[in-house]
Amino acid sequence: MEHASQVIDPVCHMKVRVTEATPRSAYGGQEYFFCAPGCKTAFDKDPGKYLG
């Protein structure tokens, strides 16, 4: 059984289990993962707000 890695959603700070279906965005040469499409949308509108 494969173990999915876990990361922290930069918008809501929840732990996210990364799978093929996990919402994601690329910014500044790095990939970010989100718990839900709403967090991805918020990040995409203003990434700098969440990466400070």
N, C-alpha and C. Protein backbone atom coordinates (compact mmCIF):
# COMPACT_ATOMS: atom_id res chain seq x y z
N MET A 1 0.85 -1.19 0.00
CA MET A 1 0.00 0.00 0.00
C MET A 1 0.89 1.25 0.00
N GLU A 2 0.58 2.18 -0.91
CA GLU A 2 1.36 3.42 -0.98
C GLU A 2 0.89 4.40 0.08
N HIS A 3 1.84 5.14 0.63
CA HIS A 3 1.50 6.18 1.60
C HIS A 3 1.56 7.52 0.89
N ALA A 4 0.46 8.24 0.89
CA ALA A 4 0.44 9.58 0.29
C ALA A 4 1.15 10.54 1.23
N SER A 5 1.85 11.48 0.66
CA SER A 5 2.53 12.46 1.51
C SER A 5 1.52 13.49 2.00
N GLN A 6 1.85 14.13 3.09
CA GLN A 6 0.99 15.18 3.63
C GLN A 6 1.74 16.50 3.60
N VAL A 7 1.01 17.55 3.26
CA VAL A 7 1.55 18.90 3.23
C VAL A 7 0.56 19.82 3.92
N ILE A 8 0.96 21.07 4.11
CA ILE A 8 0.07 22.06 4.73
C ILE A 8 -0.49 22.98 3.65
N ASP A 9 -1.80 23.13 3.62
CA ASP A 9 -2.48 24.05 2.71
C ASP A 9 -2.04 25.47 3.09
N PRO A 10 -1.46 26.24 2.15
CA PRO A 10 -0.97 27.58 2.49
C PRO A 10 -2.08 28.58 2.80
N VAL A 11 -3.32 28.27 2.45
CA VAL A 11 -4.43 29.20 2.68
C VAL A 11 -5.05 28.99 4.06
N CYS A 12 -5.47 27.75 4.37
CA CYS A 12 -6.19 27.49 5.62
C CYS A 12 -5.34 26.76 6.66
N HIS A 13 -4.13 26.34 6.27
CA HIS A 13 -3.17 25.66 7.15
C HIS A 13 -3.61 24.28 7.61
N MET A 14 -4.55 23.66 6.88
CA MET A 14 -4.94 22.28 7.19
C MET A 14 -3.92 21.32 6.60
N LYS A 15 -3.80 20.15 7.21
CA LYS A 15 -2.98 19.08 6.62
C LYS A 15 -3.73 18.52 5.42
N VAL A 16 -3.00 18.31 4.33
CA VAL A 16 -3.60 17.80 3.10
C VAL A 16 -2.85 16.54 2.68
N ARG A 17 -3.59 15.50 2.42
CA ARG A 17 -3.00 14.27 1.88
C ARG A 17 -2.95 14.42 0.37
N VAL A 18 -1.77 14.36 -0.20
CA VAL A 18 -1.59 14.58 -1.63
C VAL A 18 -1.89 13.31 -2.41
N THR A 19 -2.85 13.43 -3.33
CA THR A 19 -3.20 12.36 -4.25
C THR A 19 -3.30 12.97 -5.65
N GLU A 20 -3.61 12.16 -6.63
CA GLU A 20 -3.78 12.70 -7.99
C GLU A 20 -4.92 13.70 -8.06
N ALA A 21 -5.92 13.57 -7.20
CA ALA A 21 -7.09 14.44 -7.24
C ALA A 21 -6.94 15.71 -6.40
N THR A 22 -5.84 15.86 -5.68
CA THR A 22 -5.65 17.02 -4.81
C THR A 22 -5.53 18.30 -5.64
N PRO A 23 -6.33 19.34 -5.32
CA PRO A 23 -6.18 20.61 -6.03
C PRO A 23 -4.77 21.15 -5.83
N ARG A 24 -4.18 21.71 -6.90
CA ARG A 24 -2.80 22.19 -6.83
C ARG A 24 -2.61 23.38 -7.75
N SER A 25 -1.61 24.18 -7.44
CA SER A 25 -1.21 25.31 -8.27
C SER A 25 0.30 25.40 -8.25
N ALA A 26 0.85 25.88 -9.35
CA ALA A 26 2.29 26.13 -9.42
C ALA A 26 2.50 27.64 -9.32
N TYR A 27 3.48 28.03 -8.51
CA TYR A 27 3.80 29.45 -8.36
C TYR A 27 5.26 29.57 -7.97
N GLY A 28 5.98 30.45 -8.66
CA GLY A 28 7.39 30.67 -8.33
C GLY A 28 8.25 29.43 -8.42
N GLY A 29 7.91 28.53 -9.34
CA GLY A 29 8.69 27.32 -9.52
C GLY A 29 8.41 26.23 -8.50
N GLN A 30 7.40 26.41 -7.68
CA GLN A 30 7.05 25.41 -6.66
C GLN A 30 5.58 25.03 -6.81
N GLU A 31 5.24 23.82 -6.40
CA GLU A 31 3.86 23.35 -6.46
C GLU A 31 3.25 23.41 -5.06
N TYR A 32 2.03 23.94 -4.98
CA TYR A 32 1.30 24.06 -3.72
C TYR A 32 0.02 23.24 -3.81
N PHE A 33 -0.37 22.65 -2.69
CA PHE A 33 -1.53 21.75 -2.64
C PHE A 33 -2.57 22.30 -1.67
N PHE A 34 -3.85 22.01 -1.97
CA PHE A 34 -4.95 22.61 -1.22
C PHE A 34 -5.97 21.56 -0.79
N CYS A 35 -6.66 21.87 0.32
CA CYS A 35 -7.65 20.93 0.86
C CYS A 35 -8.92 20.92 0.02
N ALA A 36 -9.20 22.04 -0.67
CA ALA A 36 -10.45 22.17 -1.43
C ALA A 36 -10.26 23.19 -2.55
N PRO A 37 -11.12 23.13 -3.56
CA PRO A 37 -11.02 24.07 -4.67
C PRO A 37 -11.11 25.54 -4.24
N GLY A 38 -11.85 25.82 -3.18
CA GLY A 38 -11.98 27.21 -2.70
C GLY A 38 -10.65 27.78 -2.23
N CYS A 39 -9.84 26.97 -1.58
CA CYS A 39 -8.52 27.43 -1.13
C CYS A 39 -7.61 27.66 -2.34
N LYS A 40 -7.69 26.80 -3.34
CA LYS A 40 -6.90 26.97 -4.56
C LYS A 40 -7.29 28.27 -5.25
N THR A 41 -8.57 28.55 -5.34
CA THR A 41 -9.05 29.78 -5.99
C THR A 41 -8.54 31.01 -5.26
N ALA A 42 -8.60 31.00 -3.93
CA ALA A 42 -8.12 32.13 -3.14
C ALA A 42 -6.62 32.32 -3.36
N PHE A 43 -5.86 31.24 -3.37
CA PHE A 43 -4.41 31.31 -3.59
C PHE A 43 -4.11 31.85 -4.97
N ASP A 44 -4.81 31.36 -5.98
CA ASP A 44 -4.55 31.78 -7.36
C ASP A 44 -4.81 33.28 -7.56
N LYS A 45 -5.75 33.85 -6.80
CA LYS A 45 -6.04 35.28 -6.92
C LYS A 45 -4.92 36.15 -6.36
N ASP A 46 -4.24 35.67 -5.29
CA ASP A 46 -3.21 36.48 -4.63
C ASP A 46 -2.22 35.59 -3.88
N PRO A 47 -1.34 34.88 -4.60
CA PRO A 47 -0.42 33.96 -3.94
C PRO A 47 0.45 34.63 -2.87
N GLY A 48 0.91 35.84 -3.12
CA GLY A 48 1.78 36.52 -2.18
C GLY A 48 1.16 36.72 -0.81
N LYS A 49 -0.14 36.83 -0.76
CA LYS A 49 -0.86 37.00 0.50
C LYS A 49 -0.65 35.78 1.42
N TYR A 50 -0.52 34.60 0.82
CA TYR A 50 -0.43 33.37 1.60
C TYR A 50 0.99 32.85 1.77
N LEU A 51 1.94 33.45 1.08
CA LEU A 51 3.32 32.96 1.15
C LEU A 51 4.23 33.89 1.93
N GLY A 52 3.67 34.94 2.53
CA GLY A 52 4.49 35.90 3.29
C GLY A 52 4.97 35.29 4.54
